[in-house]
Amino acid sequence: MKATCDIVLEFDDAEKVKTVMQCVKVDDFNFVRSSASGKRLEAHIDSKSVSSLLHTLDDYLACISVAEKIVE
């Protein structure tokens, strides 16, 4: 079974979005496709199973959280 997830995160300003995205994009590989659009960070995650999707989503959001704290 294939599982997918789309995430939209809104930040205070576009510059912060670009910086956070650059920090986490290194780890995207072929699991996550992320892009910046104004104040929004958009990500699409593809996975082979629900459990794998949850693991990838957990890792991605943890990386976003760390990057956001560093940027602030």
N, C-alpha and C. Protein backbone atom coordinates (compact mmCIF):
# COMPACT_ATOMS: atom_id res chain seq x y z
N MET A 1 0.84 -1.17 0.00
CA MET A 1 0.00 0.00 0.00
C MET A 1 0.89 1.24 0.00
N LYS A 2 0.49 2.23 -0.77
CA LYS A 2 1.23 3.49 -0.83
C LYS A 2 0.53 4.50 0.08
N ALA A 3 1.32 5.31 0.78
CA ALA A 3 0.78 6.35 1.66
C ALA A 3 1.45 7.67 1.32
N THR A 4 0.65 8.74 1.28
CA THR A 4 1.18 10.07 0.99
C THR A 4 0.63 11.08 1.99
N CYS A 5 1.35 12.18 2.11
CA CYS A 5 0.94 13.24 3.03
C CYS A 5 1.41 14.58 2.48
N ASP A 6 0.54 15.58 2.53
CA ASP A 6 0.91 16.94 2.18
C ASP A 6 0.86 17.79 3.44
N ILE A 7 1.91 18.58 3.64
CA ILE A 7 2.03 19.44 4.82
C ILE A 7 2.18 20.87 4.35
N VAL A 8 1.48 21.78 5.02
CA VAL A 8 1.65 23.21 4.77
C VAL A 8 1.90 23.87 6.12
N LEU A 9 3.07 24.51 6.25
CA LEU A 9 3.44 25.21 7.48
C LEU A 9 3.58 26.70 7.15
N GLU A 10 2.96 27.55 7.94
CA GLU A 10 3.05 28.99 7.69
C GLU A 10 3.94 29.64 8.75
N PHE A 11 4.88 30.46 8.29
CA PHE A 11 5.84 31.14 9.16
C PHE A 11 5.56 32.64 9.19
N ASP A 12 6.34 33.36 10.00
CA ASP A 12 6.16 34.80 10.15
C ASP A 12 6.54 35.58 8.90
N ASP A 13 7.58 35.12 8.21
CA ASP A 13 8.01 35.84 7.01
C ASP A 13 8.66 34.89 6.01
N ALA A 14 8.74 35.34 4.77
CA ALA A 14 9.25 34.51 3.68
C ALA A 14 10.72 34.16 3.85
N GLU A 15 11.49 35.05 4.41
CA GLU A 15 12.93 34.79 4.60
C GLU A 15 13.15 33.62 5.57
N LYS A 16 12.35 33.57 6.62
CA LYS A 16 12.45 32.48 7.59
C LYS A 16 12.10 31.14 6.92
N VAL A 17 11.09 31.16 6.07
CA VAL A 17 10.70 29.94 5.35
C VAL A 17 11.86 29.44 4.50
N LYS A 18 12.48 30.32 3.75
CA LYS A 18 13.58 29.92 2.88
C LYS A 18 14.74 29.33 3.68
N THR A 19 15.05 29.96 4.81
CA THR A 19 16.16 29.48 5.63
C THR A 19 15.86 28.11 6.24
N VAL A 20 14.65 27.95 6.78
CA VAL A 20 14.26 26.66 7.37
C VAL A 20 14.27 25.58 6.29
N MET A 21 13.73 25.89 5.13
CA MET A 21 13.69 24.91 4.04
C MET A 21 15.10 24.49 3.61
N GLN A 22 16.02 25.44 3.53
CA GLN A 22 17.39 25.09 3.16
C GLN A 22 18.02 24.16 4.19
N CYS A 23 17.67 24.36 5.45
CA CYS A 23 18.22 23.50 6.52
C CYS A 23 17.73 22.06 6.39
N VAL A 24 16.46 21.87 6.07
CA VAL A 24 15.90 20.51 6.06
C VAL A 24 15.95 19.85 4.69
N LYS A 25 16.08 20.62 3.63
CA LYS A 25 16.06 20.07 2.27
C LYS A 25 17.19 19.08 2.04
N VAL A 26 18.27 19.23 2.75
CA VAL A 26 19.42 18.32 2.62
C VAL A 26 19.00 16.88 2.89
N ASP A 27 18.05 16.69 3.79
CA ASP A 27 17.62 15.34 4.18
C ASP A 27 16.39 14.85 3.43
N ASP A 28 15.90 15.61 2.47
CA ASP A 28 14.69 15.21 1.76
C ASP A 28 14.86 13.92 0.96
N PHE A 29 16.00 13.73 0.33
CA PHE A 29 16.25 12.59 -0.55
C PHE A 29 15.08 12.40 -1.50
N ASN A 30 14.60 11.19 -1.65
CA ASN A 30 13.44 10.98 -2.50
C ASN A 30 12.18 10.70 -1.67
N PHE A 31 12.24 11.00 -0.37
CA PHE A 31 11.10 10.80 0.51
C PHE A 31 10.19 12.02 0.57
N VAL A 32 10.79 13.20 0.50
CA VAL A 32 10.05 14.45 0.69
C VAL A 32 10.37 15.41 -0.46
N ARG A 33 9.35 16.06 -0.96
CA ARG A 33 9.52 17.15 -1.92
C ARG A 33 9.01 18.41 -1.25
N SER A 34 9.90 19.34 -0.96
CA SER A 34 9.49 20.56 -0.27
C SER A 34 9.75 21.78 -1.14
N SER A 35 8.94 22.80 -0.89
CA SER A 35 9.09 24.06 -1.62
C SER A 35 8.60 25.20 -0.75
N ALA A 36 9.11 26.40 -1.07
CA ALA A 36 8.70 27.61 -0.35
C ALA A 36 7.80 28.43 -1.25
N SER A 37 6.74 28.96 -0.66
CA SER A 37 5.81 29.80 -1.39
C SER A 37 5.36 30.92 -0.45
N GLY A 38 6.00 32.08 -0.59
CA GLY A 38 5.68 33.19 0.31
C GLY A 38 6.07 32.83 1.74
N LYS A 39 5.10 32.89 2.64
CA LYS A 39 5.33 32.56 4.05
C LYS A 39 5.09 31.08 4.35
N ARG A 40 4.85 30.30 3.31
CA ARG A 40 4.48 28.90 3.49
C ARG A 40 5.58 27.94 3.06
N LEU A 41 5.76 26.92 3.86
CA LEU A 41 6.62 25.80 3.51
C LEU A 41 5.68 24.64 3.19
N GLU A 42 5.78 24.12 1.99
CA GLU A 42 4.91 23.04 1.56
C GLU A 42 5.76 21.80 1.32
N ALA A 43 5.27 20.67 1.81
CA ALA A 43 6.01 19.42 1.65
C ALA A 43 5.06 18.30 1.26
N HIS A 44 5.55 17.44 0.39
CA HIS A 44 4.80 16.26 -0.02
C HIS A 44 5.66 15.05 0.31
N ILE A 45 5.08 14.11 1.03
CA ILE A 45 5.82 12.92 1.45
C ILE A 45 5.17 11.69 0.82
N ASP A 46 5.98 10.87 0.17
CA ASP A 46 5.54 9.60 -0.40
C ASP A 46 6.18 8.47 0.40
N SER A 47 5.42 7.42 0.64
CA SER A 47 5.95 6.31 1.40
C SER A 47 5.30 5.00 0.93
N LYS A 48 5.95 3.90 1.25
CA LYS A 48 5.44 2.59 0.85
C LYS A 48 4.41 2.02 1.82
N SER A 49 4.35 2.59 3.05
CA SER A 49 3.39 2.09 4.03
C SER A 49 3.03 3.21 5.01
N VAL A 50 1.97 3.00 5.75
CA VAL A 50 1.53 4.00 6.73
C VAL A 50 2.58 4.14 7.83
N SER A 51 3.13 3.05 8.29
CA SER A 51 4.12 3.13 9.37
C SER A 51 5.37 3.88 8.90
N SER A 52 5.78 3.64 7.67
CA SER A 52 6.93 4.35 7.12
C SER A 52 6.62 5.84 6.95
N LEU A 53 5.39 6.15 6.53
CA LEU A 53 4.97 7.54 6.41
C LEU A 53 5.02 8.25 7.76
N LEU A 54 4.52 7.60 8.78
CA LEU A 54 4.53 8.20 10.12
C LEU A 54 5.96 8.44 10.61
N HIS A 55 6.85 7.51 10.33
CA HIS A 55 8.26 7.66 10.72
C HIS A 55 8.89 8.84 9.99
N THR A 56 8.66 8.93 8.68
CA THR A 56 9.21 10.03 7.88
C THR A 56 8.62 11.36 8.32
N LEU A 57 7.33 11.39 8.56
CA LEU A 57 6.66 12.61 9.02
C LEU A 57 7.20 13.07 10.37
N ASP A 58 7.39 12.14 11.28
CA ASP A 58 7.95 12.46 12.59
C ASP A 58 9.36 13.04 12.46
N ASP A 59 10.20 12.41 11.66
CA ASP A 59 11.56 12.91 11.44
C ASP A 59 11.55 14.29 10.79
N TYR A 60 10.71 14.46 9.77
CA TYR A 60 10.66 15.73 9.04
C TYR A 60 10.23 16.87 9.97
N LEU A 61 9.16 16.65 10.74
CA LEU A 61 8.68 17.70 11.64
C LEU A 61 9.68 18.00 12.76
N ALA A 62 10.39 16.99 13.22
CA ALA A 62 11.43 17.23 14.23
C ALA A 62 12.54 18.10 13.65
N CYS A 63 12.94 17.84 12.41
CA CYS A 63 13.97 18.64 11.75
C CYS A 63 13.47 20.08 11.53
N ILE A 64 12.22 20.23 11.16
CA ILE A 64 11.64 21.57 10.99
C ILE A 64 11.68 22.32 12.31
N SER A 65 11.32 21.65 13.38
CA SER A 65 11.30 22.27 14.72
C SER A 65 12.69 22.76 15.13
N VAL A 66 13.69 21.93 14.92
CA VAL A 66 15.06 22.31 15.26
C VAL A 66 15.53 23.48 14.39
N ALA A 67 15.27 23.40 13.10
CA ALA A 67 15.68 24.47 12.18
C ALA A 67 15.01 25.79 12.54
N GLU A 68 13.74 25.72 12.90
CA GLU A 68 13.01 26.94 13.27
C GLU A 68 13.60 27.57 14.53
N LYS A 69 13.95 26.74 15.51
CA LYS A 69 14.56 27.28 16.74
C LYS A 69 15.92 27.91 16.47
N ILE A 70 16.68 27.32 15.56
CA ILE A 70 17.99 27.87 15.23
C ILE A 70 17.83 29.21 14.52
N VAL A 71 16.86 29.30 13.62
CA VAL A 71 16.63 30.52 12.85
C VAL A 71 16.20 31.66 13.77
N GLU A 72 15.41 31.34 14.78
CA GLU A 72 14.95 32.38 15.71
C GLU A 72 16.09 32.85 16.55
